[in-house]
Amino acid sequence: MKSLGLRVTAIKIDPYLNIDAGTFSPYEHGETFVLDDGGEVDLDLGNYERFLDIKMQSANNVTTGKIYQSVIAKERKGDYLGKTVQVVPHITGEIQDWVERQAKVCTDGSGEEPDICVVELGGTIGDIESMPFVEAFRQFQFRVGRENFCNIHVSLVVETAGNEQKSKPTQNSVRELRGLGITPDIIVCRCKTEMDLSLKDKIALFCNVDKSNVLHVHDCKTIYDVPLLLREQKIHEIISKRLEISPKPPTEASRGLISKWRKVARRSCNGKRKVSIAMIGKYVKLSDAYASVIKALKHAAIAANVSLTIHPVEAEHLEQLNDETVGHTMGHSKQYHEAWAKLCASNGILVPGGFGVRGVEGKVAACKFARLEKKPLLGICLGFQSMVIEYSRNILGHSDANSTEFNAETSYPVVIDMPEHNTGDLGGTMRLGLRKTVFSESKTSKSTVKQLYAKCNNVHVDDLKYVEERHRHRYEVNPECIKEIENRGDLIFTGRDIDGERMEIVELIEHPYYVGLQAHPEFLTRPLKPSPAYLGLILASIGAKNLDNFLDDGSCEVSDDEDLSYESSVGISGDN
């Protein structure tokens, strides 16, 4: 729809009772995604932002908790004039009001109202917690008019052991949905292999949907093939006809979008070179816990036209075992040796964020290894803090240096908490959202990070005074330690907050790429515009020459026979 010149926004509905995703365990719901306004939301909003290249607000994520909180607040103020507050019409009405209100909010920076809002109602048809939302949309289709409401039902087509595709689950879910008052206009069948035409006919017949409106999404080599697969089935024409809308004149965002997207899909599977990154994490058993981090690495690899392999390494496995743990055996555990083997074999290292003391010593050990071995490293949030802790211990000689999060009695608290962002409750009490990072004037001539941001944003390095990235943390580098850390002149803080008090970017000067950011730049990565910090890691991991060439002329140097400058590969300029 964006390729037709239309402005698109999105709303994600999660029927759980939580107000937001801020207190979720990574193992429960995966990554907590952070928006510009500081909203802690479901990771699916990150997918919408990346695919649509938009910036959403906290209100674009609707939960049952938010709806009930709003209704109860109105009841307490007397807005319902003493009436009995009920699910229908008050809860369902609040849902409709919320959706209609938020659908009109601009998310692409143009200042113009969106033409289309994609509303995803999560969960499964029949779930009790989803029922108020289903009822709300049954009413909503009449409130806004059928010509303004298109229902797309996503259904799993199961396959038997003999690879026979079955339509019964789809028939049953559509029957239940119609019994609740909503009739699908389009059915999208999720399946392992391409759907048989006979099955498509069967679903159309039994579900009362035109055959051309039964689409399939089978397993693809890459997620970036999916929009192209849907477009081949003319979903954009079906939606346009159903909603009675016409294409608009091309915009900067829509011009050449499909050809750019095809290049992203092709490159995500066919990189010219290979590069491997060791990701030192605390939740590596679940990739969703690092969804944006992984996407940021992949987007950077696509821009550099390389084939990426990510080696997840459990941070705890990098830690040395004490005598009590080892017992009478000598050496370390098998997991220890395997973890260090992955680290040594990788071209670069990423140390992402996290909370709690578990695995921190492993992250610190990885930072030391990268510093001594000149291995490219990017530290994010806790990774950034781990770099400073390691330097304080092994270069400054403060063997007890630590964060007060992990050791409140440390003699050298190089990382401390921010009391104004820790009020007792866990949800929403951190330093959250989009923040400015100002480059330190006396240090910027040495800053690789500043050069990366300038090149990626097509700005002269001398004109770049600050960058904006999203944050999510409640601990910071101790301002009282900064002078001692920087006195040696090799590890410097090249970026600070607007008041100059909080450290935001750290770099080791005599190193191929040893960079830490307190912010989470992965939250703003895009398939067509990767995060500069992550791009720097990928280029440095391929070889220092590639990073130098990019900083010099914007070239990624991926091959001798193809001009893949950064500008043409990610569509910053021109219509390639």
Foldseek 3Di string as FASTA:
>chain_A
DVLLVFFEAEAEEDLDQDPACLPDDCVVQAAFFFFQVFAGHHCVVLVVCFVRVWGADNLSYHYNNNLVVVLVVCVVVCVVVPDDDDLPPRSLVSLLVSCVVRQQDHTNPPRGGGPYYHYHYDDAQPPPSSLSVLLSVLVNCVVVDQLRDAAEAEEEFDADPVRDTDCVRVLVRLVSSVVSRDQHAAYEYEYADADDLVVLVVCCVSRVYPSLRYHYDHDDPDPLCRVVRVVVSVPVVSNCVSNVHGRDPNDLCNFLPVVLSVLLVVLLVQALEEAEEEEADQPVVDCSNCVLVVVLLSLLCSLLRYHYHYHYQHLLLCDADDCVVCDPDDDGDPSNVVRVVSLVPGLAYEYEDDADDPSLVSLLVSLVVCVVVLRAYEYEASSQVSNVQNCCCPPVPQVQEDDCRHPVPGPHHQKYFDVQLCPPDSPRSAQWRKFKKFFDPVCQVQDLLLLLVCLLLVHPSVPDGIDIFTAGDGMFGQQVCQCVSCVVPQKHQGIAGPVRRTGAKIFGRPGLHNIYGSGDRSSSAHSLRRRSNSSSRRLVSVHSVQSVVCSVPQFNCRDDPDGSGSCVSRVSDDSD
